[in-house]
Amino acid sequence: MVLIFSLRDGAWLGADGESYLKGTDALIKEGWLSKNSVLTYWPVGYPIVIRLIAYLSISKAALLLSIFQSLVYFASVAFFVEMLRQTRLKKMAIPTALILGLNPTLSLSSMVIGYESLTASCMLVSIALIVRFQINGNSNSLMKTIILVGLVQSLSGFMQPRNLLIGIFIFVIWGIYQGLRKNLITVLIFG
């Protein structure tokens, strides 16, 4: 968090950050149904996230976005590590927390204007939800977990459509792991 306040405007422009900001400007100027050429090429989901944050303050939107992405990443890492701690791999919880927290590619990406941090957070939350179900799940919580994982992966796909393939992969692997014919079919159909 200290680093965020030392950055000019509170965030770094990622490789595509300028395009996402142009898309956000188009949403601000032309409304939600903007036909700006940037929004026809770049996925509109991430500029919409920036636009929603810009409702709080247009002049500090980059700073607020960095803070938001950092908090989401922190919460997703904490949830993932807590679920890992409750498994047989509990000895790996602290090393995993250190790797996720100190790896510059992952931890500093939350300060970049780019969808990567939020989609990584969505991946961590999805896996943590599945682990939570595997630890103490029953048939009643299966549908709830499928819906939650589906919503999280939908958010990821909304920001970057190619992430939908990752969501499909998660559901296929989870369905195969379930093994029981009824659960396998439920996971694959509803996922």
Protein backbone atom coordinates (compact mmCIF):
# COMPACT_ATOMS: atom_id res chain seq x y z
CA MET A 1 0.00 0.00 0.00
CA VAL A 2 2.89 2.36 0.73
CA LEU A 3 4.15 1.88 -2.81
CA ILE A 4 0.77 2.87 -4.29
CA PHE A 5 0.97 6.35 -2.78
CA SER A 6 4.50 6.84 -4.12
CA LEU A 7 3.40 6.22 -7.72
CA ARG A 8 2.46 9.07 -10.00
CA ASP A 9 -1.35 9.02 -10.21
CA GLY A 10 -1.33 5.97 -7.88
CA ALA A 11 -0.91 3.34 -10.61
CA TRP A 12 1.35 2.14 -13.39
CA LEU A 13 0.13 1.87 -16.94
CA GLY A 14 0.38 -1.74 -17.98
CA ALA A 15 1.06 -2.82 -21.52
CA ASP A 16 -2.56 -2.12 -22.43
CA GLY A 17 -3.36 0.35 -19.65
CA GLU A 18 -3.61 3.32 -21.97
CA SER A 19 -6.19 1.51 -24.10
CA TYR A 20 -8.25 0.61 -21.03
CA LEU A 21 -8.18 4.26 -19.93
CA LYS A 22 -9.28 5.36 -23.41
CA GLY A 23 -12.12 2.86 -23.18
CA THR A 24 -13.06 4.25 -19.77
CA ASP A 25 -12.99 7.81 -21.17
CA ALA A 26 -15.32 6.70 -23.96
CA LEU A 27 -17.71 5.22 -21.38
CA ILE A 28 -17.62 8.45 -19.38
CA LYS A 29 -18.16 10.72 -22.42
CA GLU A 30 -20.51 8.62 -24.54
CA GLY A 31 -22.25 6.49 -21.92
CA TRP A 32 -22.54 2.75 -21.40
CA LEU A 33 -23.40 2.07 -25.05
CA SER A 34 -20.36 3.83 -26.47
CA LYS A 35 -19.33 2.86 -30.00
CA ASN A 36 -15.76 4.04 -29.59
CA SER A 37 -13.30 2.01 -31.66
CA VAL A 38 -11.22 1.18 -28.57
CA LEU A 39 -14.19 -0.67 -27.07
CA THR A 40 -14.73 -2.71 -30.21
CA TYR A 41 -11.18 -4.05 -30.03
CA TRP A 42 -10.49 -4.28 -26.28
CA PRO A 43 -12.88 -6.15 -23.96
CA VAL A 44 -15.25 -3.68 -22.35
CA GLY A 45 -15.41 -5.43 -18.96
CA TYR A 46 -12.29 -3.94 -17.42
CA PRO A 47 -13.08 -0.36 -18.56
CA ILE A 48 -16.50 -0.82 -16.95
CA VAL A 49 -14.79 -1.81 -13.67
CA ILE A 50 -12.63 1.33 -13.93
CA ARG A 51 -15.74 3.40 -14.73
CA LEU A 52 -17.55 2.10 -11.66
CA ILE A 53 -14.57 3.07 -9.51
CA ALA A 54 -14.39 6.46 -11.27
CA TYR A 55 -17.87 7.22 -9.92
CA LEU A 56 -16.17 7.75 -6.57
CA SER A 57 -13.60 10.19 -7.98
CA ILE A 58 -12.62 10.72 -11.59
CA SER A 59 -9.40 12.54 -10.70
CA LYS A 60 -8.26 9.78 -8.32
CA ALA A 61 -9.62 6.81 -10.29
CA ALA A 62 -6.18 5.25 -10.92
CA LEU A 63 -5.29 5.49 -7.23
CA LEU A 64 -8.64 4.04 -6.17
CA LEU A 65 -8.29 1.28 -8.76
CA SER A 66 -4.85 0.32 -7.39
CA ILE A 67 -6.17 0.26 -3.84
CA PHE A 68 -9.23 -1.76 -4.89
CA GLN A 69 -7.18 -4.29 -6.86
CA SER A 70 -4.65 -4.62 -4.02
CA LEU A 71 -7.40 -5.24 -1.46
CA VAL A 72 -9.11 -7.79 -3.69
CA TYR A 73 -5.81 -9.58 -4.29
CA PHE A 74 -4.99 -9.56 -0.56
CA ALA A 75 -8.42 -10.94 0.34
CA SER A 76 -8.25 -13.65 -2.32
CA VAL A 77 -4.77 -14.73 -1.21
CA ALA A 78 -5.91 -14.80 2.43
CA PHE A 79 -8.97 -16.90 1.56
CA PHE A 80 -6.92 -19.28 -0.61
CA VAL A 81 -4.22 -19.73 2.04
CA GLU A 82 -6.83 -20.29 4.77
CA MET A 83 -8.50 -23.02 2.70
CA LEU A 84 -5.08 -24.55 1.97
CA ARG A 85 -4.32 -24.49 5.71
CA GLN A 86 -7.36 -26.69 6.33
CA THR A 87 -6.16 -29.44 4.00
CA ARG A 88 -3.42 -32.06 4.25
CA LEU A 89 -1.16 -29.48 2.61
CA LYS A 90 -1.27 -27.17 5.64
CA LYS A 91 2.53 -27.14 5.82
CA MET A 92 2.51 -25.40 2.44
CA ALA A 93 0.18 -22.59 3.55
CA ILE A 94 2.89 -20.21 4.78
CA PRO A 95 5.25 -20.80 1.84
CA THR A 96 2.30 -20.31 -0.52
CA ALA A 97 1.35 -17.07 1.23
CA LEU A 98 4.93 -15.85 0.95
CA ILE A 99 5.15 -16.75 -2.73
CA LEU A 100 1.81 -15.12 -3.57
CA GLY A 101 2.53 -12.08 -1.40
CA LEU A 102 6.13 -11.43 -2.35
CA ASN A 103 6.25 -12.52 -5.99
CA PRO A 104 6.58 -9.21 -7.84
CA THR A 105 4.70 -10.41 -10.91
CA LEU A 106 1.65 -11.24 -8.83
CA SER A 107 1.72 -8.75 -5.97
CA LEU A 108 2.75 -5.68 -7.97
CA SER A 109 0.29 -6.35 -10.77
CA SER A 110 -2.45 -5.00 -8.50
CA MET A 111 -0.90 -1.56 -8.96
CA VAL A 112 -1.01 -1.78 -12.76
CA ILE A 113 -3.93 -0.66 -14.87
CA GLY A 114 -4.71 -4.06 -16.31
CA TYR A 115 -7.14 -6.90 -15.71
CA GLU A 116 -4.49 -9.46 -14.74
CA SER A 117 -4.58 -8.88 -10.98
CA LEU A 118 -8.36 -9.15 -10.78
CA THR A 119 -8.46 -12.29 -12.92
CA ALA A 120 -5.69 -13.89 -10.83
CA SER A 121 -7.76 -13.05 -7.76
CA CYS A 122 -10.80 -14.67 -9.38
CA MET A 123 -8.76 -17.81 -10.03
CA LEU A 124 -7.58 -17.99 -6.41
CA VAL A 125 -11.11 -17.49 -5.07
CA SER A 126 -12.53 -20.13 -7.42
CA ILE A 127 -9.97 -22.71 -6.37
CA ALA A 128 -10.44 -21.81 -2.69
CA LEU A 129 -14.23 -22.24 -3.01
CA ILE A 130 -13.73 -25.67 -4.56
CA VAL A 131 -11.26 -26.65 -1.82
CA ARG A 132 -13.75 -25.46 0.82
CA PHE A 133 -16.42 -27.65 -0.75
CA GLN A 134 -14.07 -30.64 -0.87
CA ILE A 135 -13.22 -30.18 2.82
CA ASN A 136 -16.69 -29.93 4.29
CA GLY A 137 -19.09 -30.11 1.38
CA ASN A 138 -22.24 -32.08 1.04
CA SER A 139 -24.72 -32.47 -1.78
CA ASN A 140 -26.64 -29.41 -0.56
CA SER A 141 -23.61 -27.13 -0.81
CA LEU A 142 -22.53 -28.46 -4.21
CA MET A 143 -25.00 -26.30 -6.14
CA LYS A 144 -24.15 -23.24 -4.04
CA THR A 145 -20.44 -23.76 -4.71
CA ILE A 146 -21.05 -24.28 -8.43
CA ILE A 147 -23.00 -21.01 -8.57
CA LEU A 148 -20.35 -19.07 -6.64
CA VAL A 149 -17.48 -20.43 -8.75
CA GLY A 150 -19.52 -19.73 -11.88
CA LEU A 151 -20.14 -16.13 -10.80
CA VAL A 152 -16.47 -15.56 -9.99
CA GLN A 153 -15.37 -17.06 -13.30
CA SER A 154 -18.04 -15.03 -15.11
CA LEU A 155 -16.56 -11.87 -13.62
CA SER A 156 -13.14 -12.99 -14.84
CA GLY A 157 -14.54 -13.71 -18.30
CA PHE A 158 -16.33 -10.35 -18.31
CA MET A 159 -12.99 -8.58 -17.90
CA GLN A 160 -11.17 -10.78 -20.43
CA PRO A 161 -13.25 -13.22 -22.54
CA ARG A 162 -10.38 -15.65 -23.06
CA ASN A 163 -10.57 -16.40 -19.33
CA LEU A 164 -13.83 -18.24 -20.00
CA LEU A 165 -11.67 -21.13 -21.20
CA ILE A 166 -9.99 -21.23 -17.79
CA GLY A 167 -13.42 -21.38 -16.16
CA ILE A 168 -14.44 -24.27 -18.39
CA PHE A 169 -11.17 -26.04 -17.57
CA ILE A 170 -11.78 -25.56 -13.82
CA PHE A 171 -15.26 -27.08 -14.07
CA VAL A 172 -14.09 -30.02 -16.20
CA ILE A 173 -11.23 -30.87 -13.82
CA TRP A 174 -13.51 -30.45 -10.80
CA GLY A 175 -16.18 -32.61 -12.42
CA ILE A 176 -13.68 -35.36 -13.15
CA TYR A 177 -12.38 -35.15 -9.59
CA GLN A 178 -15.90 -35.48 -8.21
CA GLY A 179 -16.04 -38.88 -9.83
CA LEU A 180 -19.51 -39.76 -8.65
CA ARG A 181 -21.67 -39.90 -11.72
CA LYS A 182 -24.41 -37.65 -10.28
CA ASN A 183 -21.94 -35.00 -9.05
CA LEU A 184 -19.89 -35.18 -12.24
CA ILE A 185 -22.95 -34.52 -14.36
CA THR A 186 -24.13 -31.74 -12.03
CA VAL A 187 -20.75 -29.96 -12.09
CA LEU A 188 -20.36 -30.25 -15.85
CA ILE A 189 -23.93 -29.21 -16.73
CA PHE A 190 -24.35 -26.34 -14.29
CA GLY A 191 -20.72 -25.24 -14.46
